[in-house]
Amino acid sequence: MTLASVHLTDSYFLTFAAMLFSIGAVGLLIRRNVLVMFMCVELMLNAVNLTFVTFAKTLDDIRGQAIVFFVLVVAAAEVAVGLAIIVAIFRRRRGGATADDIDLLRG
């Protein structure tokens, strides 16, 4: 069996997206490091993007790919704001930044 003979159906992509989303959700709930939490959120957003692209291909509709563009814009804005918050936490506290350190930003 060669790689060219494998036909990937939509269920493969949706299963992979579900696994990515599950890994991101578990990582978000378990980890306390803010950077790892942001990476888990990005992993979840990419899983949603894969789902949108899969359904756009299946339904032969461009709207799913347009929604992916807007999700990527929101993800970029989230990263910019999130990294600014993380830098502010690191400046106030010289150690690592955890989710419990958010109260340090209170004026």
N, C-alpha and C. Protein backbone atom coordinates (compact mmCIF):
# COMPACT_ATOMS: atom_id res chain seq x y z
N MET A 1 0.84 -1.17 0.00
CA MET A 1 0.00 0.00 0.00
C MET A 1 0.89 1.24 0.00
N THR A 2 0.66 2.11 -0.92
CA THR A 2 1.43 3.35 -0.99
C THR A 2 0.59 4.49 -0.46
N LEU A 3 1.25 5.59 -0.23
CA LEU A 3 0.57 6.75 0.29
C LEU A 3 -0.42 7.32 -0.73
N ALA A 4 -0.12 7.17 -2.00
CA ALA A 4 -1.01 7.70 -3.03
C ALA A 4 -2.32 6.92 -3.11
N SER A 5 -2.34 5.70 -2.62
CA SER A 5 -3.56 4.91 -2.69
C SER A 5 -4.51 5.16 -1.52
N VAL A 6 -4.10 5.93 -0.54
CA VAL A 6 -4.94 6.23 0.61
C VAL A 6 -5.84 7.42 0.26
N HIS A 7 -7.14 7.23 0.43
CA HIS A 7 -8.10 8.30 0.17
C HIS A 7 -8.60 8.84 1.51
N LEU A 8 -8.28 10.07 1.80
CA LEU A 8 -8.69 10.68 3.06
C LEU A 8 -10.09 11.24 2.92
N THR A 9 -10.99 10.75 3.74
CA THR A 9 -12.35 11.25 3.72
C THR A 9 -12.50 12.35 4.77
N ASP A 10 -13.69 12.93 4.79
CA ASP A 10 -13.94 14.02 5.73
C ASP A 10 -13.91 13.54 7.17
N SER A 11 -14.25 12.29 7.40
CA SER A 11 -14.26 11.78 8.77
C SER A 11 -12.85 11.75 9.37
N TYR A 12 -11.84 11.53 8.55
CA TYR A 12 -10.47 11.58 9.05
C TYR A 12 -10.12 12.98 9.56
N PHE A 13 -10.46 13.98 8.77
CA PHE A 13 -10.16 15.36 9.17
C PHE A 13 -10.95 15.77 10.40
N LEU A 14 -12.23 15.37 10.46
CA LEU A 14 -13.04 15.73 11.62
C LEU A 14 -12.59 15.00 12.88
N THR A 15 -12.14 13.76 12.73
CA THR A 15 -11.61 13.03 13.88
C THR A 15 -10.31 13.68 14.37
N PHE A 16 -9.46 14.05 13.43
CA PHE A 16 -8.21 14.72 13.80
C PHE A 16 -8.49 16.06 14.48
N ALA A 17 -9.47 16.81 13.98
CA ALA A 17 -9.83 18.08 14.60
C ALA A 17 -10.39 17.86 16.00
N ALA A 18 -11.18 16.81 16.19
CA ALA A 18 -11.72 16.52 17.52
C ALA A 18 -10.60 16.15 18.49
N MET A 19 -9.61 15.39 18.01
CA MET A 19 -8.48 15.05 18.87
C MET A 19 -7.66 16.29 19.22
N LEU A 20 -7.42 17.16 18.25
CA LEU A 20 -6.68 18.40 18.53
C LEU A 20 -7.42 19.26 19.54
N PHE A 21 -8.74 19.38 19.35
CA PHE A 21 -9.53 20.20 20.27
C PHE A 21 -9.51 19.60 21.67
N SER A 22 -9.59 18.28 21.77
CA SER A 22 -9.57 17.62 23.08
C SER A 22 -8.24 17.80 23.77
N ILE A 23 -7.15 17.68 23.04
CA ILE A 23 -5.83 17.90 23.62
C ILE A 23 -5.70 19.33 24.13
N GLY A 24 -6.18 20.29 23.33
CA GLY A 24 -6.14 21.69 23.75
C GLY A 24 -6.98 21.96 24.98
N ALA A 25 -8.18 21.36 25.03
CA ALA A 25 -9.07 21.58 26.17
C ALA A 25 -8.49 20.97 27.45
N VAL A 26 -7.96 19.77 27.34
CA VAL A 26 -7.35 19.14 28.52
C VAL A 26 -6.13 19.93 28.97
N GLY A 27 -5.32 20.38 28.04
CA GLY A 27 -4.15 21.18 28.39
C GLY A 27 -4.53 22.50 29.04
N LEU A 28 -5.62 23.09 28.58
CA LEU A 28 -6.07 24.35 29.15
C LEU A 28 -6.57 24.17 30.58
N LEU A 29 -7.22 23.04 30.84
CA LEU A 29 -7.76 22.80 32.17
C LEU A 29 -6.71 22.32 33.16
N ILE A 30 -5.68 21.63 32.68
CA ILE A 30 -4.70 21.03 33.59
C ILE A 30 -3.54 21.97 33.88
N ARG A 31 -3.00 22.61 32.87
CA ARG A 31 -1.77 23.40 33.04
C ARG A 31 -2.05 24.73 33.71
N ARG A 32 -1.08 25.24 34.45
CA ARG A 32 -1.20 26.53 35.14
C ARG A 32 -0.32 27.60 34.52
N ASN A 33 0.61 27.23 33.67
CA ASN A 33 1.49 28.19 33.01
C ASN A 33 0.69 28.94 31.96
N VAL A 34 0.78 30.26 31.99
CA VAL A 34 -0.04 31.09 31.10
C VAL A 34 0.37 30.90 29.64
N LEU A 35 1.64 30.75 29.36
CA LEU A 35 2.07 30.54 27.97
C LEU A 35 1.55 29.22 27.41
N VAL A 36 1.58 28.19 28.21
CA VAL A 36 1.06 26.90 27.76
C VAL A 36 -0.45 26.98 27.58
N MET A 37 -1.12 27.75 28.43
CA MET A 37 -2.56 27.92 28.29
C MET A 37 -2.90 28.63 26.98
N PHE A 38 -2.11 29.62 26.60
CA PHE A 38 -2.33 30.32 25.34
C PHE A 38 -2.07 29.39 24.15
N MET A 39 -1.07 28.54 24.27
CA MET A 39 -0.81 27.58 23.18
C MET A 39 -1.97 26.59 23.05
N CYS A 40 -2.56 26.21 24.17
CA CYS A 40 -3.70 25.29 24.13
C CYS A 40 -4.92 25.96 23.49
N VAL A 41 -5.13 27.23 23.77
CA VAL A 41 -6.23 27.95 23.13
C VAL A 41 -5.98 28.04 21.63
N GLU A 42 -4.75 28.29 21.23
CA GLU A 42 -4.43 28.35 19.80
C GLU A 42 -4.64 26.99 19.13
N LEU A 43 -4.31 25.92 19.84
CA LEU A 43 -4.54 24.57 19.32
C LEU A 43 -6.03 24.32 19.13
N MET A 44 -6.84 24.78 20.07
CA MET A 44 -8.28 24.62 19.94
C MET A 44 -8.83 25.44 18.78
N LEU A 45 -8.32 26.65 18.59
CA LEU A 45 -8.78 27.47 17.46
C LEU A 45 -8.38 26.85 16.12
N ASN A 46 -7.21 26.25 16.06
CA ASN A 46 -6.80 25.59 14.82
C ASN A 46 -7.64 24.35 14.54
N ALA A 47 -8.08 23.66 15.58
CA ALA A 47 -8.98 22.52 15.38
C ALA A 47 -10.32 22.99 14.82
N VAL A 48 -10.80 24.10 15.32
CA VAL A 48 -12.05 24.66 14.79
C VAL A 48 -11.86 25.10 13.34
N ASN A 49 -10.71 25.68 13.03
CA ASN A 49 -10.43 26.07 11.64
C ASN A 49 -10.41 24.87 10.72
N LEU A 50 -9.81 23.77 11.16
CA LEU A 50 -9.79 22.56 10.35
C LEU A 50 -11.20 22.04 10.10
N THR A 51 -12.06 22.15 11.10
CA THR A 51 -13.45 21.73 10.93
C THR A 51 -14.17 22.62 9.91
N PHE A 52 -13.95 23.92 10.00
CA PHE A 52 -14.57 24.84 9.04
C PHE A 52 -14.11 24.55 7.62
N VAL A 53 -12.83 24.32 7.44
CA VAL A 53 -12.29 24.06 6.10
C VAL A 53 -12.82 22.73 5.58
N THR A 54 -12.93 21.73 6.44
CA THR A 54 -13.46 20.43 6.01
C THR A 54 -14.90 20.54 5.54
N PHE A 55 -15.72 21.26 6.31
CA PHE A 55 -17.11 21.42 5.89
C PHE A 55 -17.23 22.31 4.66
N ALA A 56 -16.34 23.29 4.52
CA ALA A 56 -16.37 24.12 3.32
C ALA A 56 -16.04 23.28 2.08
N LYS A 57 -15.10 22.36 2.22
CA LYS A 57 -14.76 21.49 1.09
C LYS A 57 -15.90 20.51 0.80
N THR A 58 -16.49 19.97 1.85
CA THR A 58 -17.57 19.00 1.67
C THR A 58 -18.80 19.64 1.03
N LEU A 59 -19.17 20.80 1.50
CA LEU A 59 -20.37 21.47 1.00
C LEU A 59 -20.10 22.31 -0.24
N ASP A 60 -18.84 22.38 -0.67
CA ASP A 60 -18.43 23.18 -1.83
C ASP A 60 -18.90 24.63 -1.67
N ASP A 61 -18.58 25.19 -0.50
CA ASP A 61 -19.00 26.54 -0.16
C ASP A 61 -17.80 27.30 0.39
N ILE A 62 -17.69 28.55 0.03
CA ILE A 62 -16.52 29.35 0.41
C ILE A 62 -16.71 29.99 1.79
N ARG A 63 -17.91 29.96 2.33
CA ARG A 63 -18.17 30.66 3.59
C ARG A 63 -17.36 30.08 4.76
N GLY A 64 -17.11 28.79 4.76
CA GLY A 64 -16.31 28.20 5.82
C GLY A 64 -14.88 28.72 5.83
N GLN A 65 -14.33 28.91 4.64
CA GLN A 65 -12.98 29.46 4.56
C GLN A 65 -12.95 30.93 4.92
N ALA A 66 -14.03 31.65 4.68
CA ALA A 66 -14.11 33.06 5.09
C ALA A 66 -14.17 33.15 6.61
N ILE A 67 -14.89 32.24 7.23
CA ILE A 67 -14.96 32.23 8.70
C ILE A 67 -13.60 31.92 9.29
N VAL A 68 -12.84 31.05 8.64
CA VAL A 68 -11.48 30.73 9.11
C VAL A 68 -10.62 31.98 9.13
N PHE A 69 -10.77 32.83 8.13
CA PHE A 69 -10.00 34.08 8.10
C PHE A 69 -10.32 34.93 9.32
N PHE A 70 -11.59 35.05 9.67
CA PHE A 70 -11.96 35.85 10.84
C PHE A 70 -11.51 35.20 12.15
N VAL A 71 -11.53 33.88 12.22
CA VAL A 71 -11.02 33.20 13.41
C VAL A 71 -9.53 33.46 13.57
N LEU A 72 -8.79 33.45 12.46
CA LEU A 72 -7.36 33.74 12.53
C LEU A 72 -7.09 35.17 12.97
N VAL A 73 -7.93 36.10 12.55
CA VAL A 73 -7.76 37.50 12.98
C VAL A 73 -8.01 37.62 14.48
N VAL A 74 -9.06 36.95 14.97
CA VAL A 74 -9.34 36.98 16.41
C VAL A 74 -8.22 36.31 17.19
N ALA A 75 -7.66 35.23 16.66
CA ALA A 75 -6.56 34.54 17.33
C ALA A 75 -5.33 35.43 17.40
N ALA A 76 -5.06 36.17 16.33
CA ALA A 76 -3.90 37.07 16.35
C ALA A 76 -4.09 38.19 17.37
N ALA A 77 -5.30 38.72 17.45
CA ALA A 77 -5.57 39.76 18.45
C ALA A 77 -5.47 39.20 19.86
N GLU A 78 -5.94 37.98 20.05
CA GLU A 78 -5.86 37.34 21.36
C GLU A 78 -4.42 37.12 21.78
N VAL A 79 -3.57 36.73 20.84
CA VAL A 79 -2.16 36.53 21.15
C VAL A 79 -1.50 37.86 21.52
N ALA A 80 -1.82 38.92 20.80
CA ALA A 80 -1.21 40.22 21.09
C ALA A 80 -1.59 40.70 22.49
N VAL A 81 -2.86 40.62 22.82
CA VAL A 81 -3.31 41.06 24.14
C VAL A 81 -2.78 40.13 25.23
N GLY A 82 -2.82 38.82 24.97
CA GLY A 82 -2.35 37.85 25.95
C GLY A 82 -0.88 38.00 26.25
N LEU A 83 -0.08 38.19 25.22
CA LEU A 83 1.35 38.36 25.45
C LEU A 83 1.65 39.66 26.20
N ALA A 84 0.85 40.69 25.96
CA ALA A 84 1.04 41.93 26.72
C ALA A 84 0.74 41.71 28.20
N ILE A 85 -0.28 40.92 28.49
CA ILE A 85 -0.60 40.61 29.89
C ILE A 85 0.50 39.76 30.51
N ILE A 86 1.02 38.81 29.77
CA ILE A 86 2.09 37.96 30.29
C ILE A 86 3.34 38.78 30.57
N VAL A 87 3.68 39.69 29.68
CA VAL A 87 4.85 40.56 29.90
C VAL A 87 4.64 41.42 31.13
N ALA A 88 3.43 41.92 31.33
CA ALA A 88 3.15 42.73 32.52
C ALA A 88 3.30 41.90 33.79
N ILE A 89 2.89 40.65 33.75
CA ILE A 89 3.05 39.78 34.93
C ILE A 89 4.53 39.50 35.19
N PHE A 90 5.29 39.24 34.11
CA PHE A 90 6.72 38.97 34.28
C PHE A 90 7.45 40.19 34.84
N ARG A 91 7.03 41.38 34.49
CA ARG A 91 7.69 42.58 35.01
C ARG A 91 7.40 42.80 36.48
N ARG A 92 6.21 42.44 36.91
CA ARG A 92 5.87 42.61 38.32
C ARG A 92 6.46 41.52 39.20
N ARG A 93 6.59 40.36 38.63
CA ARG A 93 7.10 39.21 39.38
C ARG A 93 8.24 38.59 38.60
N ARG A 94 9.35 38.37 39.22
CA ARG A 94 10.54 37.89 38.51
C ARG A 94 10.51 36.40 38.21
N GLY A 95 9.62 35.65 38.84
CA GLY A 95 9.53 34.21 38.59
C GLY A 95 8.69 33.92 37.37
N GLY A 96 8.16 32.74 37.29
CA GLY A 96 7.31 32.36 36.18
C GLY A 96 5.92 32.94 36.34
N ALA A 97 5.19 32.97 35.26
CA ALA A 97 3.83 33.51 35.28
C ALA A 97 2.85 32.34 35.27
N THR A 98 2.00 32.29 36.29
CA THR A 98 0.95 31.29 36.34
C THR A 98 -0.40 31.98 36.28
N ALA A 99 -1.45 31.19 36.14
CA ALA A 99 -2.79 31.77 36.07
C ALA A 99 -3.19 32.41 37.39
N ASP A 100 -2.58 31.99 38.49
CA ASP A 100 -2.90 32.57 39.80
C ASP A 100 -2.28 33.96 39.99
N ASP A 101 -1.34 34.34 39.12
CA ASP A 101 -0.66 35.62 39.27
C ASP A 101 -1.38 36.78 38.60
N ILE A 102 -2.55 36.56 38.05
CA ILE A 102 -3.30 37.60 37.37
C ILE A 102 -3.70 38.70 38.36
N ASP A 103 -3.92 38.35 39.62
CA ASP A 103 -4.31 39.35 40.61
C ASP A 103 -3.21 40.35 40.90
N LEU A 104 -1.97 40.08 40.46
CA LEU A 104 -0.87 41.04 40.62
C LEU A 104 -1.07 42.29 39.78
N LEU A 105 -1.88 42.19 38.75
CA LEU A 105 -2.09 43.33 37.85
C LEU A 105 -3.11 44.31 38.39
N ARG A 106 -3.74 43.97 39.49
CA ARG A 106 -4.70 44.89 40.07
C ARG A 106 -3.99 46.12 40.60
N GLY A 107 -4.52 47.28 40.30
CA GLY A 107 -3.89 48.54 40.63
C GLY A 107 -3.77 48.79 42.06
